[in-house]
Protein backbone atom coordinates (compact mmCIF):
# COMPACT_ATOMS: atom_id res chain seq x y z
CA MET A 1 -0.02 0.03 -0.01
CA ASN A 2 1.57 3.13 -1.05
CA THR A 3 1.48 6.50 0.68
CA ASP A 4 -1.55 7.93 -1.19
CA GLN A 5 -3.70 4.59 -0.49
CA LYS A 6 -2.68 4.83 3.20
CA ALA A 7 -4.02 8.29 3.52
CA ALA A 8 -6.94 7.41 1.59
CA ASP A 9 -7.92 4.21 3.88
CA PRO A 10 -9.64 5.49 7.13
CA TYR A 11 -9.05 1.89 8.70
CA PHE A 12 -5.32 1.79 7.99
CA ILE A 13 -3.18 0.85 10.86
CA ASP A 14 0.87 0.27 10.59
CA PHE A 15 1.30 -2.74 11.80
CA PRO A 16 5.11 -2.81 10.83
CA LYS A 17 5.36 0.20 12.99
CA ARG A 18 3.86 -1.35 15.86
CA ILE A 19 6.51 -3.98 15.81
CA ARG A 20 9.20 -1.65 15.62
CA ASN A 21 7.95 0.08 18.55
CA ILE A 22 7.58 -3.46 20.61
CA GLN A 23 10.91 -4.27 19.66
CA ALA A 24 12.28 -0.59 20.66
CA GLN A 25 10.58 -1.50 24.41
CA MET A 26 12.07 -5.01 24.07
CA ALA A 27 15.67 -3.62 23.63
CA GLU A 28 15.01 -0.98 26.62
CA GLU A 29 13.97 -4.08 28.78
CA ASN A 30 16.64 -6.56 27.52
CA ILE A 31 14.11 -8.90 25.96
CA ASN A 32 15.69 -10.73 23.21
CA VAL A 33 12.45 -12.60 21.97
CA TYR A 34 8.86 -11.92 22.75
CA LEU A 35 6.43 -14.73 22.85
CA GLY A 36 2.87 -13.46 22.77
CA SER A 37 -0.11 -15.82 23.54
CA ARG A 38 -3.01 -13.35 24.27
CA LEU A 39 -5.88 -13.27 21.88
CA ARG A 40 -5.38 -9.19 22.24
CA THR A 41 -1.73 -9.45 21.38
CA LEU A 42 -2.36 -11.46 18.18
CA SER A 43 -5.33 -9.15 17.17
CA TRP A 44 -2.88 -5.94 17.76
CA THR A 45 -0.03 -7.34 16.04
CA THR A 46 -1.42 -9.43 13.30
CA ASP A 47 -4.57 -7.90 12.06
CA ALA A 48 -5.92 -11.46 11.92
CA PHE A 49 -8.82 -13.33 14.12
CA CYS A 50 -6.92 -16.04 15.90
CA PRO A 51 -9.35 -18.04 17.75
CA TRP A 52 -7.43 -21.34 17.90
CA ARG A 53 -4.49 -21.34 20.40
CA SER A 54 -1.62 -19.29 18.65
CA PHE A 55 1.65 -17.75 19.46
CA ILE A 56 3.44 -14.87 17.82
CA VAL A 57 7.07 -14.84 18.17
CA ILE A 58 8.72 -11.20 17.68
CA PRO A 59 12.40 -10.92 17.05
CA PRO A 60 14.84 -8.31 18.06
CA GLU A 61 14.26 -6.87 14.58
CA GLY A 62 12.66 -7.75 11.36
CA LEU A 63 9.16 -9.35 11.06
CA PRO A 64 7.23 -11.54 13.45
CA THR A 65 6.13 -14.84 13.05
CA VAL A 66 2.73 -16.56 13.97
CA PHE A 67 2.10 -20.11 14.98
CA THR A 68 -1.63 -21.29 14.69
CA PHE A 69 -3.47 -24.44 14.51
CA VAL A 70 -2.78 -25.98 11.19
CA ILE A 71 -6.47 -26.00 10.03
CA ASP A 72 -6.60 -22.01 10.44
CA ALA A 73 -3.09 -21.26 9.23
CA SER A 74 -3.59 -20.47 5.68
CA ARG A 75 -6.70 -18.14 6.74
CA VAL A 76 -4.69 -16.20 9.33
CA ALA A 77 -2.00 -15.75 6.39
CA ASP A 78 -4.72 -14.60 3.94
CA ASP A 79 -6.19 -12.25 6.54
CA SER A 80 -3.06 -10.86 8.10
CA TRP A 81 -0.54 -7.97 6.93
CA LEU A 82 2.00 -10.79 7.35
CA ASP A 83 3.08 -13.13 4.19
CA GLU A 84 2.79 -16.94 4.42
CA ASP A 85 6.09 -17.44 5.18
CA HIS A 86 5.63 -15.54 8.63
CA VAL A 87 2.51 -17.97 9.60
CA TYR A 88 3.08 -21.41 10.60
CA GLY A 89 0.68 -24.29 11.33
CA PHE A 90 1.14 -26.73 13.99
CA ALA A 91 -0.87 -30.09 15.03
CA PRO A 92 -0.31 -32.82 17.53
CA MET A 93 1.55 -35.02 14.73
CA GLY A 94 5.13 -35.53 13.83
CA GLY A 95 7.43 -32.53 14.17
CA GLN A 96 4.49 -30.10 14.30
CA ASP A 97 3.83 -30.09 18.14
CA GLN A 98 3.79 -26.40 18.82
CA ILE A 99 6.00 -26.13 21.83
CA GLU A 100 8.98 -28.03 20.23
CA GLN A 101 8.18 -26.11 16.92
CA ILE A 102 8.21 -22.80 18.72
CA ALA A 103 11.07 -23.37 21.02
CA ASP A 104 13.40 -24.48 18.14
CA PHE A 105 12.38 -21.09 16.53
CA ILE A 106 13.29 -19.08 19.25
CA MET A 107 16.33 -20.88 20.22
CA GLU A 108 17.72 -20.04 16.79
CA LEU A 109 17.04 -16.30 17.48
CA LEU A 110 18.86 -16.17 20.67
CA PRO A 111 22.40 -15.46 20.67
CA GLY A 112 24.01 -18.57 21.73
CA GLU A 113 21.02 -19.98 22.31
CA LYS A 114 20.83 -18.15 25.76
CA GLY A 115 18.92 -15.01 26.54
CA ARG A 116 15.58 -13.29 28.17
CA VAL A 117 12.28 -14.43 26.26
CA GLY A 118 9.29 -12.18 27.13
CA VAL A 119 6.18 -14.16 28.02
CA GLU A 120 2.46 -13.20 28.87
CA SER A 121 1.55 -14.65 32.10
CA GLY A 122 -1.26 -13.49 34.37
CA MET A 123 -4.89 -14.06 35.03
CA SER A 124 -8.31 -12.51 33.83
CA ASN A 125 -11.90 -12.77 34.43
CA TYR A 126 -12.19 -12.66 30.70
CA LEU A 127 -12.29 -16.61 29.78
CA PRO A 128 -10.32 -16.45 26.47
CA GLU A 129 -7.54 -14.01 27.38
CA GLY A 130 -4.60 -16.50 26.34
CA PHE A 131 -2.23 -16.11 29.13
CA LEU A 132 0.53 -18.72 29.13
CA THR A 133 -0.60 -21.85 30.92
CA HIS A 134 1.52 -23.51 33.64
CA PHE A 135 1.77 -26.51 31.40
CA GLU A 136 3.08 -24.28 28.62
CA TYR A 137 5.56 -22.33 30.63
CA GLU A 138 7.06 -25.85 32.14
CA GLN A 139 7.49 -27.26 28.56
CA PHE A 140 8.78 -24.00 27.15
CA THR A 141 11.45 -23.63 29.88
CA ALA A 142 12.34 -27.39 29.40
CA ALA A 143 12.71 -27.03 25.70
CA MET A 144 14.64 -23.89 26.32
CA PRO A 145 17.08 -24.62 28.97
CA GLY A 146 19.39 -21.52 27.85
CA ALA A 147 16.40 -19.01 28.28
CA GLU A 148 14.81 -17.20 31.13
CA LEU A 149 11.40 -16.48 30.54
CA VAL A 150 10.24 -13.28 32.23
CA ASN A 151 6.70 -11.72 32.21
CA ALA A 152 6.66 -8.76 29.51
CA HIS A 153 2.89 -8.18 28.63
CA THR A 154 3.32 -4.57 29.62
CA ILE A 155 5.16 -3.93 26.62
CA ILE A 156 1.92 -4.45 24.59
CA ASP A 157 -0.42 -3.41 27.01
CA ARG A 158 1.23 0.05 27.45
CA LEU A 159 1.85 0.63 23.51
CA ALA A 160 -1.89 -0.48 22.75
CA LEU A 161 -3.45 1.99 25.52
CA ILE A 162 -3.67 4.90 23.16
CA LYS A 163 -5.79 4.11 19.92
CA ASP A 164 -4.53 5.67 16.63
CA ALA A 165 -7.12 7.14 13.87
CA GLY A 166 -7.37 3.60 12.08
CA THR A 167 -8.40 1.85 14.98
CA ILE A 168 -10.82 4.38 16.25
CA ASN A 169 -12.41 4.59 12.66
CA ARG A 170 -12.94 0.81 12.84
CA PHE A 171 -14.68 1.00 16.15
CA ALA A 172 -16.77 4.08 14.74
CA GLU A 173 -17.85 1.62 11.81
CA ALA A 174 -18.65 -1.33 13.99
CA SER A 175 -20.73 1.22 16.05
CA ARG A 176 -22.55 2.46 12.91
CA ILE A 177 -23.23 -1.22 12.11
CA VAL A 178 -24.82 -1.72 15.79
CA ASP A 179 -27.01 1.25 15.17
CA VAL A 180 -28.65 -0.37 12.32
CA GLY A 181 -29.20 -3.54 14.13
CA HIS A 182 -30.95 -1.42 16.97
CA ARG A 183 -33.30 0.22 14.18
CA ALA A 184 -33.82 -3.16 12.80
CA VAL A 185 -35.08 -4.61 16.50
CA PHE A 186 -37.21 -1.44 17.11
CA GLU A 187 -39.00 -1.69 13.77
CA ALA A 188 -39.42 -5.38 14.57
CA ILE A 189 -41.19 -5.07 18.00
CA SER A 190 -43.13 -1.93 17.50
CA ASN A 191 -46.87 -1.88 16.87
CA GLY A 192 -47.37 -5.27 18.85
CA GLY A 193 -44.63 -6.84 16.75
CA TYR A 194 -42.94 -8.31 20.06
CA LYS A 195 -45.98 -10.41 20.53
CA ASN A 196 -44.90 -14.31 20.63
CA MET A 197 -41.46 -12.91 19.87
CA THR A 198 -38.60 -14.83 21.96
CA GLU A 199 -35.23 -13.39 23.02
CA THR A 200 -33.48 -15.40 20.60
CA GLU A 201 -35.70 -14.15 17.76
CA ILE A 202 -34.66 -10.56 18.74
CA ALA A 203 -30.94 -11.67 18.99
CA GLY A 204 -31.23 -12.96 15.20
CA ILE A 205 -33.21 -10.07 14.03
CA ALA A 206 -30.16 -7.76 15.28
CA ALA A 207 -27.54 -10.32 14.07
CA LEU A 208 -29.00 -10.36 10.48
CA ALA A 209 -29.45 -6.62 9.96
CA MET A 210 -25.68 -6.17 11.25
CA ARG A 211 -24.48 -8.82 9.13
CA ARG A 212 -26.14 -7.15 5.99
CA GLN A 213 -24.22 -4.01 6.93
CA GLY A 214 -20.75 -5.97 7.00
CA SER A 215 -20.38 -6.94 10.47
CA VAL A 216 -18.52 -10.41 10.68
CA TRP A 217 -19.18 -11.71 14.39
CA GLU A 218 -21.31 -10.93 17.28
CA TRP A 219 -18.20 -10.92 18.97
CA SER A 220 -19.09 -11.39 22.69
CA PHE A 221 -18.08 -14.28 24.68
CA THR A 222 -21.03 -13.93 26.83
CA GLY A 223 -23.60 -15.26 24.66
CA GLY A 224 -23.30 -13.12 21.21
CA ASN A 225 -26.00 -10.90 21.20
CA GLU A 226 -27.41 -10.28 24.88
CA ILE A 227 -30.95 -10.05 25.33
CA ALA A 228 -32.83 -9.88 28.66
CA SER A 229 -36.59 -9.19 29.51
CA GLY A 230 -38.64 -9.27 32.45
CA TYR A 231 -37.15 -10.33 35.41
CA ARG A 232 -34.08 -11.50 33.81
CA THR A 233 -32.99 -7.91 33.25
CA GLY A 234 -33.00 -7.26 36.85
CA LEU A 235 -30.33 -9.94 37.42
CA ALA A 236 -27.33 -6.91 37.98
CA GLY A 237 -28.76 -5.23 34.94
CA GLY A 238 -29.12 -8.39 32.60
CA ALA A 239 -25.46 -8.73 32.98
CA CYS A 240 -23.51 -11.43 30.62
CA THR A 241 -26.77 -13.10 29.74
CA PRO A 242 -27.17 -14.73 26.26
CA ALA A 243 -30.45 -14.73 24.76
CA THR A 244 -33.08 -17.15 26.23
CA GLY A 245 -36.37 -18.79 24.59
CA LYS A 246 -38.45 -16.71 27.02
CA LYS A 247 -41.14 -14.67 25.37
CA ILE A 248 -41.34 -10.91 25.33
CA GLU A 249 -44.32 -10.05 27.52
CA PRO A 250 -46.66 -6.84 28.09
CA GLY A 251 -45.71 -5.10 31.34
CA GLU A 252 -41.84 -5.71 31.28
CA PRO A 253 -38.75 -4.26 30.66
CA LEU A 254 -36.50 -5.33 27.55
CA MET A 255 -32.66 -5.17 27.33
CA ILE A 256 -31.25 -5.21 23.80
CA ASP A 257 -27.25 -5.33 23.91
CA ILE A 258 -26.01 -6.02 20.50
CA HIS A 259 -22.48 -6.33 19.07
CA ALA A 260 -20.72 -5.97 15.78
CA MET A 261 -17.13 -6.66 14.68
CA PHE A 262 -15.32 -4.64 11.85
CA LYS A 263 -11.83 -5.31 10.78
CA LEU A 264 -11.19 -6.41 14.38
CA GLY A 265 -12.93 -3.14 15.87
CA LEU A 266 -15.90 -3.78 18.11
CA GLY A 267 -19.40 -2.30 18.36
CA ASP A 268 -21.20 -2.97 21.43
CA HIS A 269 -24.44 -1.08 22.30
CA ALA A 270 -27.15 -1.52 24.78
CA HIS A 271 -30.51 -0.15 24.63
CA ASN A 272 -33.50 -0.73 26.94
CA TYR A 273 -37.41 -0.52 26.63
CA LEU A 274 -40.38 -0.78 28.34
CA ILE A 275 -43.23 -2.86 27.12
CA ALA A 276 -46.75 -1.50 27.94
CA PRO A 277 -48.46 -1.08 29.93
CA VAL A 278 -45.95 0.59 31.83
CA THR A 279 -46.33 1.94 35.48
CA ASP A 280 -45.21 5.15 37.32
CA ARG A 281 -42.59 2.99 39.34
CA GLN A 282 -41.22 1.35 36.22
CA ARG A 283 -41.13 4.98 34.34
CA TRP A 284 -39.43 6.16 37.68
CA HIS A 285 -36.35 3.56 37.37
CA ALA A 286 -36.29 4.21 33.59
CA ASP A 287 -35.80 8.06 34.16
CA ASN A 288 -33.35 7.22 36.99
CA PHE A 289 -31.31 5.38 34.47
CA VAL A 290 -31.33 7.74 31.62
CA ASP A 291 -30.32 10.60 33.70
CA ILE A 292 -27.58 9.04 35.06
CA VAL A 293 -26.00 7.81 31.70
CA LYS A 294 -26.48 11.46 30.49
CA LYS A 295 -24.29 12.56 33.48
CA THR A 296 -21.92 9.94 33.13
CA LEU A 297 -21.31 10.71 29.33
CA VAL A 298 -20.74 14.57 30.14
CA THR A 299 -18.38 13.68 33.07
CA TYR A 300 -15.85 11.58 31.27
CA ARG A 301 -12.73 13.35 29.90
CA ALA A 302 -9.02 12.97 30.16
CA GLY A 303 -7.59 13.76 33.67
CA ILE A 304 -10.57 11.82 35.44
CA THR A 305 -10.19 8.55 37.05
CA PRO A 306 -12.75 5.59 37.47
CA SER A 307 -12.81 6.04 41.34
CA LEU A 308 -13.29 9.81 40.91
CA LEU A 309 -16.19 9.12 38.28
CA ALA A 310 -17.82 6.61 40.49
CA GLU A 311 -17.77 8.79 43.34
CA LYS A 312 -19.41 11.61 41.40
CA MET A 313 -22.01 9.24 39.71
CA MET A 314 -22.92 7.60 43.07
CA ALA A 315 -23.43 10.91 44.97
CA PHE A 316 -25.87 11.85 42.21
CA ALA A 317 -27.75 8.34 42.42
CA GLU A 318 -27.74 8.71 46.32
CA GLU A 319 -29.24 12.25 46.22
CA ARG A 320 -31.77 10.89 43.68
CA GLY A 321 -32.82 7.69 45.89
CA PHE A 322 -31.51 4.95 43.24
CA ALA A 323 -28.02 4.20 44.56
CA ASP A 324 -29.20 1.02 46.05
CA PHE A 325 -29.99 -0.26 42.42
CA MET A 326 -26.81 1.17 40.75
CA VAL A 327 -23.77 -1.17 40.08
CA PRO A 328 -20.87 1.07 41.02
CA GLY A 329 -18.98 0.34 38.08
CA PHE A 330 -19.19 2.69 34.71
CA GLU A 331 -16.66 1.24 32.18
CA HIS A 332 -14.68 -1.68 31.19
CA GLY A 333 -11.47 -1.62 28.74
CA ILE A 334 -11.72 -2.27 25.02
CA GLY A 335 -9.32 -2.78 22.04
CA LEU A 336 -9.28 -4.89 19.20
CA VAL A 337 -10.97 -8.37 19.68
CA GLY A 338 -9.67 -10.11 22.83
CA ASP A 339 -8.83 -6.73 24.75
CA GLU A 340 -12.10 -6.43 26.34
CA TRP A 341 -11.61 -5.88 30.19
CA ARG A 342 -8.97 -4.05 31.94
CA ILE A 343 -8.61 -0.45 32.32
CA GLY A 344 -5.06 0.89 32.03
CA LEU A 345 -2.25 -1.24 32.94
CA ASN A 346 -1.81 -3.68 35.55
CA ASP A 347 -0.64 -1.34 38.24
CA GLY A 348 -3.64 -1.00 40.78
CA PRO A 349 -4.08 -2.49 44.09
CA PHE A 350 -5.56 -6.02 42.90
CA ALA A 351 -3.22 -7.67 40.43
CA TYR A 352 -5.14 -7.67 36.81
CA TRP A 353 -8.02 -5.63 37.48
CA THR A 354 -8.68 -1.98 36.76
CA ASN A 355 -6.71 0.41 38.53
CA PRO A 356 -9.25 2.72 39.89
CA ASP A 357 -6.79 5.50 39.82
CA HIS A 358 -5.85 5.24 36.19
CA VAL A 359 -6.00 8.63 34.95
CA TYR A 360 -7.57 8.64 31.73
CA ARG A 361 -5.87 10.28 28.56
CA GLU A 362 -6.75 11.55 25.29
CA ASN A 363 -7.48 8.85 22.41
CA GLU A 364 -8.12 6.11 25.09
CA LEU A 365 -11.08 3.95 23.79
CA LEU A 366 -13.27 2.20 26.46
CA ILE A 367 -16.83 0.97 26.95
CA CYS A 368 -19.00 3.17 29.10
CA ALA A 369 -20.78 0.26 30.68
CA MET A 370 -23.29 0.73 33.38
CA GLN A 371 -25.81 -1.43 35.04
CA TYR A 372 -28.87 -0.76 37.11
CA ALA A 373 -30.41 -3.61 38.77
CA CYS A 374 -33.73 -3.92 41.09
CA PRO A 375 -34.28 -7.85 41.10
CA ASP A 376 -37.30 -7.24 43.90
CA GLU A 377 -39.20 -5.30 40.94
CA ASN A 378 -38.06 -7.51 38.22
CA ILE A 379 -36.49 -4.65 36.51
CA GLY A 380 -33.04 -3.24 35.31
CA PHE A 381 -31.15 -1.76 32.61
CA ARG A 382 -27.93 -1.73 30.80
CA TYR A 383 -26.18 0.84 28.87
CA GLU A 384 -22.79 0.24 27.04
CA ASN A 385 -21.06 2.33 24.39
CA PRO A 386 -17.65 2.71 22.92
CA ILE A 387 -16.36 6.26 23.87
CA VAL A 388 -13.49 8.03 22.78
CA ILE A 389 -11.73 10.18 25.36
CA HIS A 390 -11.14 13.75 24.55
CA GLU A 391 -9.22 16.60 26.56
CA ASP A 392 -12.60 18.11 27.57
CA HIS A 393 -15.29 15.30 26.71
CA CYS A 394 -15.99 12.19 25.71
CA GLU A 395 -17.33 10.93 22.08
CA PRO A 396 -19.89 8.15 22.18
CA LEU A 397 -19.28 6.40 18.97
CA SER A 398 -22.81 4.56 18.79
CA LYS A 399 -25.20 7.55 17.97
CA TYR A 400 -28.24 5.60 18.51
CA PRO A 401 -30.67 7.97 20.75
CA LEU A 402 -30.40 7.78 24.73
CA ALA A 403 -33.86 6.85 25.71
CA ILE A 404 -35.94 3.85 27.57
CA GLU A 405 -38.82 4.07 24.92
CA GLU A 406 -42.28 2.60 25.51
CA ILE A 407 -43.40 0.04 23.10
CA SER A 408 -47.24 -0.80 22.86
């Protein structure tokens, strides 16, 4: 791709530059070779989706090499900016075991077969994170007796924190696609269309509309498109719930949280409804939630921290009398697919969780994620929307109107 083509492509990401930046950090930390195993690392360095157990080996200079399950290797090579000579397949058969194959490859890169190998070790509440397992660590240690394995994932995390224009534009397009999905759901459930409709049917209506717009995956590992109705919305605001066969009923709340993926950028937006007849008490809950979401969005900016934001928002909820229904968290991290949870770096009071005193910086991209739950009254709401942090405000990427609409 020449300079003019790069300038014309709003989704362009300079992946060779990313690799050079990693290599510069490796040199500073005396890391001879970097062995990446996390899904977020594979996405951020290869521009390809790697759902099978995969690794990337980054040498001190030159191009990295990907090792993935043999059935997916040619597809990864086709999707990635890397050529086929830098994507290898492995399988549990003669000479293709991934530990032996990768260890031999790394040993050839180490001076005198000795040196420091950066690995990715840790924990996460996000199941497909991809940290090196204990077994893998033992096997690599045995296969590379001259190597010292050191935890080095913060190299990637630090470099990936601030998003470039191409990444932000990918998220913006994925968010536009999600908005199309929401419009399709609204049209389908309006004017009595919800009757005899199930949560899973709504999930499918949204999915089809988004696929037609170019989404390649309803990417959430918590069940694709997350739909909750009735009492299920009150289970921590419908948190992490896949759609079920439950039918949509009159007099119930309905939460629609849908997902799209475009060039590994993730769209994620939750919108809420009340199915008529609507009581005054339900409307009170709904107005509370809309008001606190609005206040949160106008408060986000560079320089604020998660704890300061939560303090301000919970004070507002206390003043209005609904603090008991708010889950006291207002965000989760986001990056290209696989980088879903943690805010900032691993520098908080609890290892591998968000640092509550992380100071937001310009061009961080995260999910404004809010949950309101009143299980005793079978009602709850969720709001999710990717936002870009600017100096004095935040920019919500989904443009779908913020409201809790009444459907009859």
